[in-house]
Amino acid sequence: MEQIGFKDKTFESQEAFRLILQATSYPGKKIQFTNDYHSLENLNASSINIIFTLLDLDTNVFIQSAQESNISNFIKLHTGAPITKNKVESDFAVVTDGDLDFDSFNEGLDQYPDKATTLIIQIHSMSQGEDFVLSGPGIKNSNLITLSGIPHNFKEKVNANSSKFPLGVDIFLTCKNELISLPRTIKIIN
């Protein structure tokens, strides 16, 4: 029988939450999950840790993937989170492939900016590819990240998203057991 969720629910969920919080506190800093034994054909360990930690019965999830059915079944089995076909209704979006339009997701409301969608975007690499220099709250001067397998016009999309602050989506980039957080306050300056 397949293991449902974390093997050691208390310890692993606390550890995963701490690492997600650390990534969010230090935008652009690469964080590694230590429990990378989880696997699914189209979900990496980092995405699965976020799913196990942040999704629940009250979290609407949109899935953009060639393996949408498998991922949907996995999320429903492990978290009970409802799956939605409407991007605007989603609290989280899991994106494993295809291009992405940030504007099509919930950007929050002036009174409730926290109601915006959080995107979990799987990419190919966090050590090879195109260099991006980040600036914004949580970054002392600037932070250089290297990414490949990102959505088309990624820099322009991130900067357009940032210009809407306090509205806009928040982004988790995942690759294998690695995580980089790009809150809506972050800009790509080069």
Foldseek 3Di string as FASTA:
>chain_A
DDDAADPPVPVLLVQLVVQVVVQVLAFPDKTFRPPQPDDDPQDASQRSSCLSRPAALDFEEEEADPPVVRVQVNSCRRHVHHYDPQQQQGQEYEYRDDADQQVSHNQADPVGSNSTYEYEYEFADFPAADWWWKDFRSYPGIHIIHGHRHHPPVQVRLAVQLVPPVTHYWYWYDYRRMIGTRGSNMHTPD
